[in-house]
Protein backbone atom coordinates (compact mmCIF):
# COMPACT_ATOMS: atom_id res chain seq x y z
CA MET A 1 87.87 78.07 118.39
CA GLY A 2 90.63 75.85 120.06
CA GLU A 3 90.34 72.96 117.68
CA GLY A 4 90.52 75.01 114.60
CA ILE A 5 93.48 76.88 115.80
CA GLU A 6 95.21 73.71 116.85
CA ALA A 7 94.53 71.99 113.57
CA VAL A 8 95.86 75.10 111.72
CA LYS A 9 98.99 75.29 113.79
CA SER A 10 99.72 71.57 113.33
CA ALA A 11 99.27 71.66 109.56
CA PHE A 12 101.40 74.81 109.28
CA ALA A 13 104.31 73.45 111.33
CA SER A 14 104.19 70.34 109.19
CA GLY A 15 104.62 72.42 105.98
CA LEU A 16 101.01 71.89 104.93
CA PRO A 17 98.49 74.62 103.68
CA VAL A 18 95.92 76.49 105.88
CA LEU A 19 92.91 78.49 105.03
CA ILE A 20 92.31 82.02 106.66
CA PHE A 21 89.22 84.05 106.41
CA ASP A 22 89.68 87.63 107.45
CA SER A 23 86.32 89.16 108.28
CA GLU A 24 83.02 90.10 106.66
CA MET A 25 83.74 93.60 107.85
CA ARG A 26 87.17 93.66 106.02
CA GLU A 27 87.92 92.13 102.52
CA GLY A 28 85.49 89.16 103.14
CA GLU A 29 88.14 86.94 101.52
CA THR A 30 89.82 83.52 102.32
CA ASP A 31 93.48 82.94 101.62
CA LEU A 32 95.20 79.68 101.10
CA LEU A 33 98.51 79.64 102.72
CA PHE A 34 101.75 77.74 102.82
CA PRO A 35 104.90 78.21 104.90
CA ALA A 36 107.38 79.58 102.37
CA LEU A 37 110.32 77.61 103.65
CA HIS A 38 108.78 74.40 102.42
CA VAL A 39 107.52 75.56 99.03
CA GLN A 40 108.00 73.65 95.91
CA PRO A 41 106.76 74.11 92.24
CA THR A 42 103.69 71.82 93.41
CA GLN A 43 102.41 74.36 95.94
CA ILE A 44 102.83 77.33 93.47
CA ARG A 45 100.79 75.36 91.18
CA GLN A 46 98.04 74.60 93.60
CA LEU A 47 97.98 78.31 94.48
CA ARG A 48 97.70 79.17 90.76
CA GLN A 49 95.19 76.63 89.76
CA VAL A 50 92.84 76.73 92.99
CA CYS A 51 92.77 80.28 94.05
CA GLY A 52 92.76 82.62 91.13
CA GLY A 53 93.76 85.74 93.29
CA LEU A 54 97.18 87.41 93.51
CA LEU A 55 100.02 85.01 94.58
CA PHE A 56 101.88 87.12 97.26
CA LEU A 57 104.62 86.77 99.96
CA ALA A 58 103.79 87.92 103.40
CA ILE A 59 106.70 88.78 105.63
CA GLY A 60 107.06 89.79 109.28
CA ASP A 61 107.95 93.26 110.31
CA GLU A 62 111.34 92.18 111.58
CA VAL A 63 112.18 90.38 108.21
CA ALA A 64 111.24 93.49 106.35
CA ASP A 65 113.39 95.79 108.74
CA CYS A 66 116.31 93.25 108.43
CA PHE A 67 116.36 93.53 104.56
CA GLY A 68 115.44 97.18 104.63
CA MET A 69 112.33 96.68 102.51
CA PRO A 70 110.07 99.84 102.67
CA PHE A 71 106.32 100.16 102.07
CA LEU A 72 105.86 101.06 98.38
CA GLN A 73 103.42 103.61 99.52
CA ASP A 74 106.29 105.33 101.31
CA ILE A 75 108.48 105.29 98.24
CA HIS A 76 105.83 106.66 96.15
CA THR A 77 105.07 109.71 98.27
CA THR A 78 108.53 110.91 99.04
CA GLN A 79 109.07 114.40 97.67
CA SER A 80 111.78 113.47 95.30
CA ALA A 81 109.64 110.79 93.69
CA LEU A 82 106.66 113.11 93.46
CA ASP A 83 109.02 115.79 91.88
CA SER A 84 110.40 113.32 89.53
CA TRP A 85 107.20 111.58 88.51
CA PRO A 86 104.15 113.84 89.16
CA VAL A 87 101.74 111.11 88.22
CA LEU A 88 102.39 109.48 91.45
CA GLY A 89 100.84 112.53 93.27
CA HIS A 90 97.49 111.70 91.31
CA LEU A 91 97.73 107.87 92.28
CA ILE A 92 98.23 108.31 95.92
CA THR A 93 96.33 105.60 97.88
CA HIS A 94 93.95 107.43 100.20
CA ASP A 95 90.60 105.83 99.33
CA LEU A 96 90.78 102.13 100.41
CA ARG A 97 87.44 101.08 101.74
CA TYR A 98 88.73 98.37 103.98
CA ASP A 99 92.05 99.72 105.29
CA GLN A 100 94.26 102.92 105.79
CA ARG A 101 97.21 101.72 103.78
CA SER A 102 98.53 99.04 101.70
CA ALA A 103 100.87 96.34 102.97
CA PHE A 104 102.76 95.99 99.61
CA THR A 105 106.65 96.45 99.74
CA ILE A 106 109.09 95.86 96.84
CA SER A 107 108.39 92.73 94.35
CA LEU A 108 111.21 90.08 93.86
CA ASN A 109 112.70 87.54 91.66
CA HIS A 110 115.53 85.45 92.42
CA ARG A 111 118.54 85.94 90.18
CA ASP A 112 118.69 82.47 89.10
CA THR A 113 115.14 82.59 87.61
CA PHE A 114 114.32 83.06 83.89
CA THR A 115 111.28 85.32 83.45
CA GLY A 116 110.48 84.62 87.14
CA ILE A 117 106.80 83.71 86.55
CA THR A 118 107.00 79.85 86.08
CA ASP A 119 105.95 77.49 88.94
CA PHE A 120 109.60 76.69 89.34
CA ASP A 121 110.79 80.30 89.20
CA ARG A 122 108.34 81.52 91.85
CA ALA A 123 108.91 78.58 94.11
CA LEU A 124 112.66 79.33 94.03
CA THR A 125 112.07 83.16 94.72
CA VAL A 126 109.66 82.26 97.57
CA ARG A 127 111.68 79.47 99.17
CA ARG A 128 115.14 80.94 98.90
CA PHE A 129 113.86 84.31 100.42
CA ALA A 130 112.51 82.40 103.31
CA GLU A 131 115.74 80.50 103.85
CA LEU A 132 117.79 83.62 103.50
CA SER A 133 115.62 85.42 106.20
CA VAL A 134 116.49 82.63 108.56
CA GLU A 135 120.14 82.78 107.70
CA THR A 136 120.33 86.53 108.20
CA SER A 137 118.03 86.97 111.11
CA SER A 138 120.87 87.60 113.49
CA SER A 139 122.91 89.61 111.01
CA PRO A 140 123.28 93.38 110.86
CA SER A 141 120.97 95.07 108.53
CA ASN A 142 123.85 95.96 106.05
CA GLN A 143 124.95 92.37 105.78
CA ALA A 144 121.40 91.23 105.27
CA ILE A 145 120.77 93.66 102.57
CA ASP A 146 123.99 92.88 100.81
CA ALA A 147 122.96 89.13 100.91
CA LEU A 148 119.58 89.93 99.52
CA GLY A 149 120.91 91.85 96.68
CA LYS A 150 123.29 89.19 95.72
CA GLU A 151 120.56 86.72 95.32
CA PHE A 152 117.51 88.78 94.48
CA ARG A 153 116.52 91.59 92.01
CA THR A 154 113.56 93.95 91.83
CA PRO A 155 110.97 94.44 90.16
CA GLY A 156 110.03 90.72 90.10
CA HIS A 157 107.09 88.37 89.86
CA ILE A 158 106.56 87.82 93.72
CA PRO A 159 104.75 90.83 95.15
CA VAL A 160 105.79 91.02 98.75
CA CYS A 161 103.54 92.51 101.68
CA ARG A 162 105.02 93.41 105.09
CA GLU A 163 103.55 93.15 108.33
CA ALA A 164 102.52 96.38 109.99
CA LYS A 165 104.58 97.12 113.24
CA GLY A 166 102.54 95.73 116.08
CA GLY A 167 101.25 92.96 113.94
CA LEU A 168 97.61 91.98 114.64
CA SER A 169 97.30 94.53 117.45
CA ALA A 170 97.76 97.25 114.92
CA ARG A 171 96.21 95.81 111.78
CA GLN A 172 94.10 92.76 111.02
CA GLY A 173 94.85 92.21 107.30
CA HIS A 174 95.68 89.05 105.46
CA THR A 175 99.49 89.85 105.72
CA GLU A 176 99.15 90.08 109.60
CA LEU A 177 96.96 86.99 109.71
CA ALA A 178 99.44 85.05 107.61
CA VAL A 179 102.45 86.01 109.69
CA ALA A 180 100.60 85.33 112.94
CA VAL A 181 99.79 81.73 111.82
CA ALA A 182 103.55 81.24 110.96
CA ARG A 183 104.57 82.44 114.42
CA LEU A 184 101.91 80.35 116.34
CA ALA A 185 103.18 77.21 114.43
CA GLY A 186 106.77 78.05 115.11
CA CYS A 187 107.68 78.77 111.63
CA PRO A 188 109.59 81.67 110.04
CA PRO A 189 107.43 84.70 109.50
CA VAL A 190 107.53 84.17 105.70
CA VAL A 191 104.24 82.90 104.11
CA VAL A 192 103.14 82.50 100.56
CA GLY A 193 99.58 82.38 99.65
CA ALA A 194 96.69 83.76 97.42
CA GLU A 195 93.09 84.96 97.51
CA MET A 196 90.36 82.23 96.69
CA LEU A 197 88.01 83.41 94.17
CA GLU A 198 84.79 82.04 92.66
CA PRO A 199 85.80 79.67 89.84
CA ASP A 200 82.54 80.69 87.65
CA GLY A 201 81.76 84.22 89.25
CA ASP A 202 83.17 87.72 89.85
CA GLN A 203 83.57 87.72 93.47
CA ALA A 204 85.75 86.28 96.25
CA LEU A 205 84.86 82.69 97.20
CA SER A 206 82.45 82.65 99.99
CA LYS A 207 83.34 81.84 103.48
CA SER A 208 80.85 78.73 103.62
CA SER A 209 82.35 77.44 100.04
CA ALA A 210 85.92 77.84 101.33
CA GLN A 211 85.10 75.91 104.39
CA ALA A 212 83.61 73.32 102.24
CA TRP A 213 86.61 73.07 99.91
CA GLY A 214 88.73 72.86 103.06
CA ARG A 215 86.71 69.95 104.42
CA GLU A 216 86.96 68.16 101.10
CA HIS A 217 90.73 68.50 100.75
CA GLY A 218 91.77 68.11 104.44
CA VAL A 219 92.95 71.81 104.76
CA PRO A 220 92.08 73.31 108.14
CA PHE A 221 90.10 76.66 108.17
CA VAL A 222 90.23 79.50 110.77
CA SER A 223 88.51 82.88 110.83
CA GLY A 224 90.54 86.05 111.42
CA SER A 225 88.74 86.72 114.88
CA ASP A 226 89.76 83.21 116.28
CA LEU A 227 93.23 83.60 115.03
CA PHE A 228 93.42 87.24 116.59
CA GLU A 229 92.27 85.75 119.84
CA ALA A 230 94.90 83.00 119.74
CA ALA A 231 97.64 85.32 118.69
CA MET A 232 96.91 87.77 121.62
CA LYS A 233 96.88 84.98 124.15
CA ASP A 234 100.08 83.76 122.84
CA VAL A 235 101.68 87.29 123.36
CA ARG A 236 100.35 87.43 126.66
């Protein structure tokens, strides 16, 4: 466990990618992840071409709170929303087989993007959000929200997922695992990634295949259980 964790921490702290497998008992998926602060179009292109899954931004609970970014599930289940758009009442998330709730919050585009979907546009959105999270980390929430609104708009082409309160002690999803890696590596808790899918199949890439890809490309791999153990030791 130790060598894998140390390799992941070292790579992430250097701005390099890592692979995280959650659990066979959960989604059974491996995510390729980069620290968002260092992302350029090249990294977005790698996620797009190698992974095949959804490109997302995972953010720490404190970042989401600072920017006032709610869970989408909470927005969609407010009484005023249900009254205005009754279809939301028929689409309530209550049947996830691997979790109790979705981690998605609002999606974003930087205001300097065009469509927001190109590698350049998505890299700008991801990197600048990470930079702004650092710049406003000590600011009152109203100032941080104002700064966010000056630079970003929603909806956008970067889906954002926020960590559950309590992190891995409360939920062991890819959002919490990604944020945990960032914290262990001493990076801001803003991480961009995507799920690895079978290139010629219909399923998530198997754990063994993801490990083999990591060995071939020099990308360290860690399981969710080992990451959880390391994160809990770090907290203690």
